[in-house]
Amino acid sequence: MNIKIRNAIRNITIAIALLTLIGVIVYNRINILEKNKSDSATINFNSKNWIEIPVKINDFGTFGLFDTGANICVIDKAAIGNFDVFVFPFNLISINKKSRNPFCIIKEIKIGDVAFRNVLAVILDLKSDGKILQCAPSDIIIGTPIINQLYWKFNFTTNSLFISTSKLTIKNHTHNNSFSYEGSLSYQSNIVVDRIAHNVKIDLGHTASLVLPMCFANDTTGVKYSNSEMLNAHGTYYDEGIKNFTDIVLGKDTLKGILAEYTNQQQSFLGLGIFKKYNEIAIDPFEKTIYLGELRNFSPATSIYSFGFSFNIRNNQLLITRVLESSPAHKSGLQHGDTIQRINGICAKELIKTDYCNFTSIRDSLLGLPQINLRIIRKTETIISLKKESF
């Protein structure tokens, strides 16, 4: 080996060692819990879709979305101008195996009176068209680097949150059930679904109850759909799958009639829909245990009472984005991809040009009615009238 090659190898080794040392120093100086401030707090939160917690970012009030599926904190690109943050001048961190994104250091984040300093956060466009967070008040996603430093107790009856740095706090509360998880940046646990063991990711930033790989779907039961819209904290994605009523063994509880989403992803998820069935949950990252309170008058579903379809704005058109098999919509011949010209007398062009958050509110109101009328354009114009049924 000649001298030039040896010198090149030596220089590369030194550079890697220096970068590693810098990385260790930076890592040990970020996401720091401020020990000399309050070690506990009780606050109220929003829980319409996700868990959204009031926070202060450098004394600027906003909301943070609680997400155990995020192994790093995320801040909205459009919001960083409101905060005094240091933005690194290059893209380094990859989210969801897509293009690399810039990141920043937030001087302080306060949840109640509990403060964190030098919080590392990825900068993402969370609220552009097609992103589900567009209509949410949160400007930041609270990920596991912060979650892992506190004990969290959510009461879904009163929408109140108690947080504490104490490992002994859990001893002051009683719960009916519990289960353990593994991992630090990503929470994994083993559960049983229809007598089959699954390793699931505990993702409280996902609105679904249960998401399973397509290979576990049973073609003889359940409700088929195509190109469904699946929602998580990072936006909307599309997939094909099957919905099925499922039994889940979660700790000591057996939950019957759970609506599962089957997708072509290989990862299984246990989402917020499951945990909202309890009056309260407590997450203890020190013992890696989730404690469950009483079930909230949860009666297992045996059928769906619905029109069996959904719609959204796509490519400046109002399109059918989901049709459930055996539903009134399916029986009427409604298909995924159909273009809506009018719905209950409202012109599609009027809905398309309205503010997107207003659109979602109008859509929810329309789908909440007992009857709905559609004028559909496929090859020819078709008028469809639907009444809600159980199926």
Protein backbone atom coordinates (compact mmCIF):
# COMPACT_ATOMS: atom_id res chain seq x y z
CA MET A 1 0.00 0.00 0.00
CA ASN A 2 1.59 3.29 -1.10
CA ILE A 3 1.98 6.34 1.12
CA LYS A 4 -0.81 8.35 -0.58
CA ILE A 5 -3.38 5.59 0.08
CA ARG A 6 -2.25 5.23 3.71
CA ASN A 7 -2.49 9.00 4.24
CA ALA A 8 -5.96 9.09 2.64
CA ILE A 9 -7.17 6.26 4.90
CA ARG A 10 -5.68 8.01 7.94
CA ASN A 11 -7.33 11.33 7.05
CA ILE A 12 -10.69 9.64 6.49
CA THR A 13 -10.38 7.83 9.83
CA ILE A 14 -9.54 11.08 11.64
CA ALA A 15 -12.47 12.87 9.95
CA ILE A 16 -14.89 10.10 10.95
CA ALA A 17 -13.59 10.19 14.54
CA LEU A 18 -13.99 13.97 14.72
CA LEU A 19 -17.51 13.86 13.26
CA THR A 20 -18.42 11.13 15.74
CA LEU A 21 -17.05 13.18 18.63
CA ILE A 22 -18.95 16.28 17.47
CA GLY A 23 -22.11 14.18 17.09
CA VAL A 24 -21.78 12.83 20.64
CA ILE A 25 -21.23 16.33 22.05
CA VAL A 26 -24.20 17.76 20.14
CA TYR A 27 -26.43 14.81 21.08
CA ASN A 28 -25.62 15.25 24.76
CA ARG A 29 -26.50 18.94 24.57
CA ILE A 30 -29.95 18.64 22.96
CA ASN A 31 -33.43 17.73 24.20
CA ILE A 32 -32.36 18.58 27.76
CA LEU A 33 -35.00 18.60 30.50
CA GLU A 34 -34.55 21.76 32.58
CA LYS A 35 -33.96 20.23 36.02
CA ASN A 36 -34.15 23.46 38.00
CA LYS A 37 -37.72 24.18 36.83
CA SER A 38 -41.04 22.48 37.59
CA ASP A 39 -40.99 18.67 37.49
CA SER A 40 -44.76 18.21 36.98
CA ALA A 41 -47.80 19.92 35.46
CA THR A 42 -51.50 19.38 34.76
CA ILE A 43 -52.90 20.86 31.55
CA ASN A 44 -55.82 20.38 29.14
CA PHE A 45 -55.40 19.07 25.62
CA ASN A 46 -57.36 18.69 22.37
CA SER A 47 -58.33 15.18 21.29
CA LYS A 48 -60.71 15.55 18.32
CA ASN A 49 -58.37 13.75 15.92
CA TRP A 50 -55.05 13.41 17.73
CA ILE A 51 -53.63 14.43 21.09
CA GLU A 52 -52.71 18.11 20.69
CA ILE A 53 -51.05 19.72 23.70
CA PRO A 54 -50.66 23.48 24.34
CA VAL A 55 -46.95 24.31 24.38
CA LYS A 56 -44.72 27.38 24.35
CA ILE A 57 -41.83 27.54 21.91
CA ASN A 58 -39.47 30.27 23.09
CA ASP A 59 -42.46 31.88 24.88
CA PHE A 60 -44.65 31.75 21.75
CA GLY A 61 -47.88 29.87 22.44
CA THR A 62 -48.96 27.11 20.04
CA PHE A 63 -49.84 23.39 20.09
CA GLY A 64 -47.76 20.23 19.82
CA LEU A 65 -49.04 16.93 18.45
CA PHE A 66 -48.13 14.00 20.74
CA ASP A 67 -46.66 11.26 18.53
CA THR A 68 -44.94 8.11 19.79
CA GLY A 69 -44.45 7.19 16.12
CA ALA A 70 -42.01 10.10 15.65
CA ASN A 71 -38.43 9.33 16.70
CA ILE A 72 -37.51 12.99 16.38
CA CYS A 73 -39.41 16.25 16.95
CA VAL A 74 -40.75 17.99 13.83
CA ILE A 75 -41.54 21.68 13.36
CA ASP A 76 -43.64 23.21 10.58
CA LYS A 77 -41.59 25.05 7.97
CA ALA A 78 -44.05 27.94 7.75
CA ALA A 79 -44.00 28.45 11.53
CA ILE A 80 -40.27 28.74 12.22
CA GLY A 81 -40.40 32.47 11.49
CA ASN A 82 -42.50 32.85 14.65
CA PHE A 83 -39.84 31.24 16.82
CA ASP A 84 -36.26 32.14 17.68
CA VAL A 85 -34.65 28.96 16.36
CA PHE A 86 -31.22 28.20 14.96
CA VAL A 87 -31.56 26.61 11.52
CA PHE A 88 -28.66 24.53 10.19
CA PRO A 89 -27.75 25.58 6.64
CA PHE A 90 -27.85 22.10 5.10
CA ASN A 91 -30.20 19.13 4.75
CA LEU A 92 -29.18 16.07 6.70
CA ILE A 93 -32.09 14.10 8.19
CA SER A 94 -34.32 11.82 6.11
CA ILE A 95 -37.99 11.40 7.09
CA ASN A 96 -40.00 8.39 5.86
CA LYS A 97 -37.13 7.45 3.50
CA LYS A 98 -37.82 10.51 1.36
CA SER A 99 -35.60 13.49 0.52
CA ARG A 100 -33.37 14.85 3.24
CA ASN A 101 -34.67 17.76 5.30
CA PRO A 102 -33.07 20.66 7.21
CA PHE A 103 -33.18 20.73 10.98
CA CYS A 104 -32.95 23.29 13.75
CA ILE A 105 -32.28 23.73 17.45
CA ILE A 106 -35.16 25.19 19.51
CA LYS A 107 -33.90 27.10 22.54
CA GLU A 108 -36.82 26.14 24.79
CA ILE A 109 -40.09 24.20 24.67
CA LYS A 110 -42.43 24.40 27.68
CA ILE A 111 -45.28 21.99 28.39
CA GLY A 112 -47.09 23.59 31.31
CA ASP A 113 -44.20 24.59 33.57
CA VAL A 114 -41.97 21.71 32.48
CA ALA A 115 -39.23 23.05 30.19
CA PHE A 116 -36.87 21.49 27.66
CA ARG A 117 -33.93 23.35 26.16
CA ASN A 118 -31.92 22.94 22.97
CA VAL A 119 -34.49 20.68 21.32
CA LEU A 120 -33.46 19.18 17.97
CA ALA A 121 -36.27 19.30 15.39
CA VAL A 122 -36.60 18.46 11.71
CA ILE A 123 -38.15 21.18 9.54
CA LEU A 124 -41.03 19.88 7.38
CA ASP A 125 -43.89 21.40 5.42
CA LEU A 126 -46.68 19.97 7.60
CA LYS A 127 -49.59 22.06 6.34
CA SER A 128 -49.43 22.25 2.56
CA ASP A 129 -52.26 20.91 0.40
CA GLY A 130 -52.88 17.22 1.00
CA LYS A 131 -51.48 17.32 4.53
CA ILE A 132 -53.96 16.38 7.21
CA LEU A 133 -52.36 18.79 9.72
CA GLN A 134 -53.39 21.72 7.54
CA CYS A 135 -56.50 22.19 9.70
CA ALA A 136 -54.83 21.41 13.04
CA PRO A 137 -53.50 24.08 15.45
CA SER A 138 -50.22 22.24 16.07
CA ASP A 139 -46.99 23.74 14.73
CA ILE A 140 -44.75 21.01 16.16
CA ILE A 141 -44.81 17.24 16.55
CA ILE A 142 -43.63 16.10 19.97
CA GLY A 143 -41.59 12.95 19.37
CA THR A 144 -40.00 10.29 21.56
CA PRO A 145 -36.84 12.28 22.50
CA ILE A 146 -39.13 14.46 24.68
CA ILE A 147 -41.73 11.79 25.46
CA ASN A 148 -39.06 9.49 26.90
CA GLN A 149 -38.15 12.01 29.61
CA LEU A 150 -41.59 12.32 31.24
CA TYR A 151 -44.38 10.25 32.71
CA TRP A 152 -47.65 11.00 30.82
CA LYS A 153 -51.18 10.40 32.04
CA PHE A 154 -54.02 11.24 29.60
CA ASN A 155 -57.64 11.37 30.77
CA PHE A 156 -59.87 11.18 27.67
CA THR A 157 -63.02 11.91 29.68
CA THR A 158 -61.86 15.32 30.92
CA ASN A 159 -59.17 15.88 28.23
CA SER A 160 -56.62 16.57 30.96
CA LEU A 161 -52.95 15.62 30.98
CA PHE A 162 -50.68 15.10 33.97
CA ILE A 163 -46.92 15.01 33.27
CA SER A 164 -44.09 14.36 35.69
CA THR A 165 -40.38 13.59 35.73
CA SER A 166 -40.81 11.24 38.69
CA LYS A 167 -40.37 7.51 38.15
CA LEU A 168 -42.42 6.90 41.28
CA THR A 169 -45.48 8.83 40.08
CA ILE A 170 -47.10 5.69 38.69
CA LYS A 171 -47.34 4.24 42.20
CA ASN A 172 -49.80 7.00 43.12
CA HIS A 173 -52.36 5.84 40.52
CA THR A 174 -54.35 2.66 40.04
CA HIS A 175 -55.09 1.15 36.63
CA ASN A 176 -57.04 -1.88 35.47
CA ASN A 177 -54.58 -3.15 32.90
CA SER A 178 -51.08 -2.66 31.51
CA PHE A 179 -48.67 -3.97 28.90
CA SER A 180 -44.98 -3.43 28.27
CA TYR A 181 -43.15 -2.26 25.17
CA GLU A 182 -39.61 -2.34 23.85
CA GLY A 183 -37.40 0.25 22.17
CA SER A 184 -36.65 3.87 22.90
CA LEU A 185 -37.05 5.86 19.70
CA SER A 186 -39.73 3.51 18.35
CA TYR A 187 -42.15 1.72 20.69
CA GLN A 188 -42.78 -1.95 19.82
CA SER A 189 -45.02 -4.44 21.60
CA ASN A 190 -46.41 -7.93 21.05
CA ILE A 191 -50.20 -8.32 20.90
CA VAL A 192 -52.58 -11.06 19.72
CA VAL A 193 -55.05 -10.35 16.91
CA ASP A 194 -57.58 -13.09 16.11
CA ARG A 195 -55.29 -15.59 17.90
CA ILE A 196 -52.27 -14.57 15.78
CA ALA A 197 -49.29 -12.90 17.47
CA HIS A 198 -48.21 -9.55 16.02
CA ASN A 199 -45.35 -7.22 16.80
CA VAL A 200 -46.87 -3.75 16.52
CA LYS A 201 -45.53 -0.22 16.53
CA ILE A 202 -47.36 1.91 19.10
CA ASP A 203 -48.14 5.03 17.10
CA LEU A 204 -50.29 7.63 18.87
CA GLY A 205 -49.81 9.92 15.87
CA HIS A 206 -51.95 7.56 13.75
CA THR A 207 -55.74 7.94 13.81
CA ALA A 208 -56.49 4.26 13.11
CA SER A 209 -57.12 1.62 15.78
CA LEU A 210 -55.12 -1.13 14.12
CA VAL A 211 -53.14 -1.36 10.87
CA LEU A 212 -51.93 -4.78 9.69
CA PRO A 213 -50.04 -5.99 6.61
CA MET A 214 -52.17 -7.19 3.72
CA CYS A 215 -50.92 -10.77 4.07
CA PHE A 216 -52.99 -11.15 7.27
CA ALA A 217 -56.26 -10.11 5.63
CA ASN A 218 -59.00 -12.73 5.36
CA ASP A 219 -60.74 -12.51 1.98
CA THR A 220 -63.83 -14.36 3.22
CA THR A 221 -64.80 -11.83 5.90
CA GLY A 222 -64.69 -8.12 6.39
CA VAL A 223 -65.33 -5.16 4.15
CA LYS A 224 -63.20 -4.65 1.04
CA TYR A 225 -62.21 -1.24 -0.25
CA SER A 226 -59.73 0.11 -2.78
CA ASN A 227 -57.39 3.07 -2.74
CA SER A 228 -58.41 4.15 0.74
CA GLU A 229 -57.06 7.30 2.37
CA MET A 230 -54.94 6.49 5.41
CA LEU A 231 -54.03 9.35 7.74
CA ASN A 232 -51.06 9.88 10.00
CA ALA A 233 -49.32 12.89 11.46
CA HIS A 234 -47.19 13.38 8.35
CA GLY A 235 -50.10 13.51 5.92
CA THR A 236 -52.26 11.35 3.68
CA TYR A 237 -51.18 8.25 1.79
CA TYR A 238 -53.10 5.80 -0.35
CA ASP A 239 -53.23 2.05 -0.37
CA GLU A 240 -55.44 -0.91 -1.17
CA GLY A 241 -56.72 -3.19 1.55
CA ILE A 242 -59.49 -4.76 3.52
CA LYS A 243 -61.34 -3.68 6.63
CA ASN A 244 -62.27 -6.44 9.04
CA PHE A 245 -63.79 -6.71 12.52
CA THR A 246 -61.11 -8.10 14.76
CA ASP A 247 -60.46 -9.32 18.33
CA ILE A 248 -57.38 -7.86 20.04
CA VAL A 249 -55.78 -9.14 23.24
CA LEU A 250 -54.20 -6.11 24.91
CA GLY A 251 -52.70 -6.99 28.27
CA LYS A 252 -55.60 -8.52 30.26
CA ASP A 253 -58.31 -7.11 27.98
CA THR A 254 -59.84 -8.75 24.93
CA LEU A 255 -61.31 -6.03 22.72
CA LYS A 256 -63.87 -7.36 20.26
CA GLY A 257 -65.17 -5.71 17.11
CA ILE A 258 -62.08 -3.62 16.35
CA LEU A 259 -62.01 -2.17 12.86
CA ALA A 260 -58.61 -2.99 11.33
CA GLU A 261 -56.93 -1.41 8.30
CA TYR A 262 -55.01 -3.82 6.07
CA THR A 263 -52.34 -2.23 3.85
CA ASN A 264 -49.38 -3.24 1.70
CA GLN A 265 -46.99 -1.91 4.35
CA GLN A 266 -45.04 -4.55 6.25
CA GLN A 267 -45.24 -2.76 9.61
CA SER A 268 -48.18 -3.29 11.98
CA PHE A 269 -49.45 -0.26 13.94
CA LEU A 270 -51.51 0.12 17.10
CA GLY A 271 -52.98 3.62 16.80
CA LEU A 272 -54.77 6.21 18.88
CA GLY A 273 -58.19 4.74 18.04
CA ILE A 274 -57.48 1.84 20.43
CA PHE A 275 -56.32 4.00 23.34
CA LYS A 276 -59.27 6.37 23.07
CA LYS A 277 -61.52 3.45 23.98
CA TYR A 278 -60.19 3.82 27.55
CA ASN A 279 -61.07 6.64 29.93
CA GLU A 280 -57.36 7.16 30.59
CA ILE A 281 -53.93 5.84 29.73
CA ALA A 282 -50.54 6.39 31.34
CA ILE A 283 -47.21 6.04 29.54
CA ASP A 284 -44.24 5.30 31.77
CA PRO A 285 -41.07 5.42 29.60
CA PHE A 286 -38.88 4.75 32.64
CA GLU A 287 -40.40 1.27 33.05
CA LYS A 288 -41.47 1.03 29.37
CA THR A 289 -45.04 0.28 30.35
CA ILE A 290 -48.42 1.59 29.22
CA TYR A 291 -51.19 1.53 31.86
CA LEU A 292 -54.87 1.39 30.86
CA GLY A 293 -57.87 2.64 32.82
CA GLU A 294 -61.51 1.60 32.41
CA LEU A 295 -63.07 1.07 29.02
CA ARG A 296 -65.31 4.01 28.04
CA ASN A 297 -68.69 2.28 27.48
CA PHE A 298 -67.10 0.45 24.58
CA SER A 299 -69.61 -1.80 22.84
CA PRO A 300 -68.14 -4.01 20.09
CA ALA A 301 -69.40 -3.07 16.63
CA THR A 302 -71.08 -5.78 14.60
CA SER A 303 -71.91 -3.60 11.60
CA ILE A 304 -71.26 -0.20 10.07
CA TYR A 305 -74.08 2.37 9.79
CA SER A 306 -72.95 4.56 6.92
CA PHE A 307 -73.27 5.50 3.27
CA GLY A 308 -70.04 3.57 2.79
CA PHE A 309 -68.08 6.15 0.80
CA SER A 310 -65.89 9.21 1.20
CA PHE A 311 -64.73 11.99 -1.12
CA ASN A 312 -61.97 14.57 -1.32
CA ILE A 313 -60.40 17.21 -3.55
CA ARG A 314 -57.86 15.70 -5.94
CA ASN A 315 -56.28 17.49 -8.93
CA ASN A 316 -58.85 20.29 -8.73
CA GLN A 317 -61.71 17.80 -8.90
CA LEU A 318 -64.11 16.40 -6.31
CA LEU A 319 -63.50 12.64 -6.40
CA ILE A 320 -64.83 9.53 -4.65
CA THR A 321 -61.86 8.24 -2.64
CA ARG A 322 -63.38 5.25 -0.81
CA VAL A 323 -66.21 2.80 -1.43
CA LEU A 324 -66.89 0.02 1.08
CA GLU A 325 -68.07 -3.33 -0.21
CA SER A 326 -71.71 -4.23 0.59
CA SER A 327 -72.45 -0.61 1.51
CA PRO A 328 -75.30 1.49 0.07
CA ALA A 329 -72.71 3.30 -2.09
CA HIS A 330 -71.34 0.01 -3.43
CA LYS A 331 -74.81 -1.35 -4.18
CA SER A 332 -75.68 1.83 -6.07
CA GLY A 333 -72.71 1.35 -8.41
CA LEU A 334 -70.59 4.17 -6.99
CA GLN A 335 -66.90 3.59 -7.77
CA HIS A 336 -63.57 4.86 -6.53
CA GLY A 337 -62.41 7.68 -8.81
CA ASP A 338 -65.89 8.84 -9.81
CA THR A 339 -66.10 12.61 -10.29
CA ILE A 340 -68.75 14.44 -8.26
CA GLN A 341 -70.49 17.26 -10.12
CA ARG A 342 -73.04 18.13 -7.41
CA ILE A 343 -73.68 16.84 -3.91
CA ASN A 344 -76.94 17.69 -2.12
CA GLY A 345 -77.41 20.56 -4.57
CA ILE A 346 -73.97 22.04 -3.87
CA CYS A 347 -71.83 22.51 -6.99
CA ALA A 348 -68.46 20.78 -6.79
CA LYS A 349 -66.71 23.93 -8.04
CA GLU A 350 -67.98 25.81 -4.98
CA LEU A 351 -66.54 23.18 -2.63
CA ILE A 352 -63.22 23.04 -4.48
CA LYS A 353 -62.59 26.78 -4.26
CA THR A 354 -63.51 27.07 -0.58
CA ASP A 355 -60.91 27.03 2.19
CA TYR A 356 -59.76 23.43 2.71
CA CYS A 357 -60.58 23.46 6.43
CA ASN A 358 -64.09 24.70 5.64
CA PHE A 359 -64.35 21.98 3.01
CA THR A 360 -63.54 19.22 5.53
CA SER A 361 -66.16 20.64 7.90
CA ILE A 362 -68.80 20.71 5.12
CA ARG A 363 -67.84 17.19 4.05
CA ASP A 364 -68.23 15.84 7.58
CA SER A 365 -71.65 17.53 7.85
CA LEU A 366 -72.82 16.02 4.55
CA LEU A 367 -71.62 12.53 5.46
CA GLY A 368 -73.42 12.89 8.81
CA LEU A 369 -76.83 13.29 7.14
CA PRO A 370 -79.28 10.35 6.91
CA GLN A 371 -79.64 10.79 3.12
CA ILE A 372 -77.44 12.21 0.40
CA ASN A 373 -77.83 12.91 -3.34
CA LEU A 374 -74.95 12.80 -5.81
CA ARG A 375 -74.59 13.78 -9.45
CA ILE A 376 -71.70 11.69 -10.77
CA ILE A 377 -69.74 12.05 -14.02
CA ARG A 378 -68.05 8.90 -15.27
CA LYS A 379 -68.67 8.30 -18.96
CA THR A 380 -72.14 9.74 -18.64
CA GLU A 381 -73.92 11.73 -15.97
CA THR A 382 -75.55 9.63 -13.24
CA ILE A 383 -77.73 10.73 -10.35
CA ILE A 384 -77.42 8.58 -7.20
CA SER A 385 -79.52 8.90 -4.05
CA LEU A 386 -78.27 7.12 -0.92
CA LYS A 387 -79.72 6.37 2.50
CA LYS A 388 -77.61 5.20 5.41
CA GLU A 389 -77.84 1.51 6.22
CA SER A 390 -76.17 -1.00 8.53
CA PHE A 391 -73.93 -3.43 6.63
